[in-house]
C-alpha atoms as a PDB file:
ATOM      1  CA  MET A   1      36.080 -13.960   3.882  1.00  0.00           C
ATOM      2  CA  ARG A   2      36.292 -11.413   1.079  1.00  0.00           C
ATOM      3  CA  LEU A   3      33.007 -12.601  -0.396  1.00  0.00           C
ATOM      4  CA  ILE A   4      31.221 -12.189   2.925  1.00  0.00           C
ATOM      5  CA  SER A   5      32.626  -8.708   3.472  1.00  0.00           C
ATOM      6  CA  ARG A   6      31.449  -7.585   0.007  1.00  0.00           C
ATOM      7  CA  LYS A   7      27.905  -8.846   0.491  1.00  0.00           C
ATOM      8  CA  LEU A   8      27.451  -7.495   4.009  1.00  0.00           C
ATOM      9  CA  PRO A   9      26.938  -3.813   3.041  1.00  0.00           C
ATOM     10  CA  ARG A  10      24.397  -4.844   0.376  1.00  0.00           C
ATOM     11  CA  LEU A  11      22.517  -6.912   2.945  1.00  0.00           C
ATOM     12  CA  ILE A  12      22.514  -4.046   5.428  1.00  0.00           C
ATOM     13  CA  ARG A  13      21.188  -1.651   2.759  1.00  0.00           C
ATOM     14  CA  ARG A  14      18.399  -4.061   1.846  1.00  0.00           C
ATOM     15  CA  LEU A  15      17.452  -4.515   5.481  1.00  0.00           C
ATOM     16  CA  LEU A  16      17.340  -0.747   6.004  1.00  0.00           C
ATOM     17  CA  ILE A  17      15.119  -0.309   2.936  1.00  0.00           C
ATOM     18  CA  LEU A  18      12.796  -3.005   4.274  1.00  0.00           C
ATOM     19  CA  VAL A  19      12.650  -1.350   7.705  1.00  0.00           C
ATOM     20  CA  PHE A  20      11.831   2.061   6.170  1.00  0.00           C
ATOM     21  CA  PHE A  21       9.149   0.503   3.944  1.00  0.00           C
ATOM     22  CA  LEU A  22       7.522  -1.269   6.897  1.00  0.00           C
ATOM     23  CA  ALA A  23       7.663   1.918   8.966  1.00  0.00           C
ATOM     24  CA  ALA A  24       5.932   3.855   6.159  1.00  0.00           C
ATOM     25  CA  CYS A  25       3.193   1.221   5.966  1.00  0.00           C
ATOM     26  CA  TRP A  26       2.715   1.355   9.738  1.00  0.00           C
ATOM     27  CA  ILE A  27       2.451   5.161   9.695  1.00  0.00           C
ATOM     28  CA  ASP A  28      -0.164   4.955   6.926  1.00  0.00           C
ATOM     29  CA  LEU A  29      -2.205   2.463   8.922  1.00  0.00           C
ATOM     30  CA  VAL A  30      -2.056   4.508  12.131  1.00  0.00           C
ATOM     31  CA  SER A  31      -3.039   7.729  10.369  1.00  0.00           C
ATOM     32  CA  ALA A  32      -5.918   5.968   8.599  1.00  0.00           C
ATOM     33  CA  VAL A  33      -7.334   4.736  11.890  1.00  0.00           C
ATOM     34  CA  ALA A  34      -7.001   8.221  13.368  1.00  0.00           C
ATOM     35  CA  GLN A  35      -8.882   9.797  10.435  1.00  0.00           C
ATOM     36  CA  ASP A  36     -11.759   7.266  10.560  1.00  0.00           C
ATOM     37  CA  LYS A  37     -12.613   7.729   6.882  1.00  0.00           C
ATOM     38  CA  PRO A  38     -11.647   5.919   3.676  1.00  0.00           C
ATOM     39  CA  PHE A  39      -7.914   6.189   3.203  1.00  0.00           C
ATOM     40  CA  LEU A  40      -5.884   5.274   0.135  1.00  0.00           C
ATOM     41  CA  HIS A  41      -2.389   3.891   0.703  1.00  0.00           C
ATOM     42  CA  SER A  42       0.279   6.573   0.138  1.00  0.00           C
ATOM     43  CA  LEU A  43       1.847   4.416  -2.579  1.00  0.00           C
ATOM     44  CA  PHE A  44      -0.882   5.687  -4.914  1.00  0.00           C
ATOM     45  CA  THR A  45      -0.109   9.270  -5.937  1.00  0.00           C
ATOM     46  CA  ASP A  46      -0.619  11.678  -8.830  1.00  0.00           C
ATOM     47  CA  HIS A  47       1.151  10.766 -12.073  1.00  0.00           C
ATOM     48  CA  MET A  48       1.873   7.194 -11.008  1.00  0.00           C
ATOM     49  CA  VAL A  49       2.202   4.553 -13.717  1.00  0.00           C
ATOM     50  CA  LEU A  50       0.112   1.371 -13.643  1.00  0.00           C
ATOM     51  CA  GLN A  51       0.994  -1.762 -15.574  1.00  0.00           C
ATOM     52  CA  ARG A  52      -1.255  -2.530 -18.515  1.00  0.00           C
ATOM     53  CA  GLY A  53      -2.751  -5.965 -19.149  1.00  0.00           C
ATOM     54  CA  ILE A  54      -3.007  -7.153 -15.530  1.00  0.00           C
ATOM     55  CA  ASN A  55      -5.481  -6.768 -12.673  1.00  0.00           C
ATOM     56  CA  VAL A  56      -4.220  -3.727 -10.775  1.00  0.00           C
ATOM     57  CA  PRO A  57      -4.870  -3.847  -7.015  1.00  0.00           C
ATOM     58  CA  VAL A  58      -5.629  -0.617  -5.150  1.00  0.00           C
ATOM     59  CA  TRP A  59      -5.930  -0.744  -1.363  1.00  0.00           C
ATOM     60  CA  GLY A  60      -6.361   1.272   1.771  1.00  0.00           C
ATOM     61  CA  TRP A  61      -8.275   1.495   5.038  1.00  0.00           C
ATOM     62  CA  ALA A  62     -11.742   2.581   6.106  1.00  0.00           C
ATOM     63  CA  SER A  63     -14.177   1.912   8.903  1.00  0.00           C
ATOM     64  CA  PRO A  64     -15.086  -1.801   9.088  1.00  0.00           C
ATOM     65  CA  GLY A  65     -17.975  -2.631   6.766  1.00  0.00           C
ATOM     66  CA  ASP A  66     -17.716   0.602   4.737  1.00  0.00           C
ATOM     67  CA  LYS A  67     -18.264   0.398   0.986  1.00  0.00           C
ATOM     68  CA  VAL A  68     -15.446   2.088  -0.957  1.00  0.00           C
ATOM     69  CA  ASN A  69     -15.718   3.137  -4.620  1.00  0.00           C
ATOM     70  CA  VAL A  70     -12.457   3.756  -6.482  1.00  0.00           C
ATOM     71  CA  SER A  71     -12.228   5.326  -9.948  1.00  0.00           C
ATOM     72  CA  ILE A  72      -9.208   5.341 -12.244  1.00  0.00           C
ATOM     73  CA  ALA A  73      -9.301   6.619 -15.837  1.00  0.00           C
ATOM     74  CA  GLY A  74     -13.046   6.163 -16.145  1.00  0.00           C
ATOM     75  CA  GLN A  75     -13.117   2.672 -14.618  1.00  0.00           C
ATOM     76  CA  THR A  76     -14.787   2.145 -11.254  1.00  0.00           C
ATOM     77  CA  ALA A  77     -14.265  -0.692  -8.768  1.00  0.00           C
ATOM     78  CA  THR A  78     -15.993  -1.315  -5.447  1.00  0.00           C
ATOM     79  CA  ALA A  79     -14.648  -2.885  -2.260  1.00  0.00           C
ATOM     80  CA  ILE A  80     -15.969  -3.436   1.251  1.00  0.00           C
ATOM     81  CA  ALA A  81     -13.709  -2.934   4.271  1.00  0.00           C
ATOM     82  CA  ASP A  82     -13.149  -6.082   6.331  1.00  0.00           C
ATOM     83  CA  ASP A  83     -13.340  -6.370  10.138  1.00  0.00           C
ATOM     84  CA  ASP A  84      -9.911  -4.688  10.434  1.00  0.00           C
ATOM     85  CA  GLY A  85     -10.909  -1.861   8.084  1.00  0.00           C
ATOM     86  CA  ARG A  86      -8.703  -3.042   5.196  1.00  0.00           C
ATOM     87  CA  TRP A  87     -10.091  -2.984   1.666  1.00  0.00           C
ATOM     88  CA  MET A  88      -8.783  -3.821  -1.801  1.00  0.00           C
ATOM     89  CA  ALA A  89     -10.262  -3.186  -5.245  1.00  0.00           C
ATOM     90  CA  LYS A  90      -8.907  -4.596  -8.507  1.00  0.00           C
ATOM     91  CA  PHE A  91      -9.154  -2.979 -11.928  1.00  0.00           C
END
């Protein structure tokens, strides 16, 4: 019983973090649809650090079929929004 009681608070914390993360993603999606223009996920901000040596995905929402150009540090990638308005570009 002691083992279960020690792990329970950790599980509750992880579930709360997951719920807050999903709520933030939902809010981003709803606000993107309301703006009806290309929208970058709020995860991508000024001064963020990207991992070197891998393909870095960048995503967001736009009107379905829109072409989105994304530039980071002189590199440019292009993506086209799908039927749901989601797009992803990789650098």
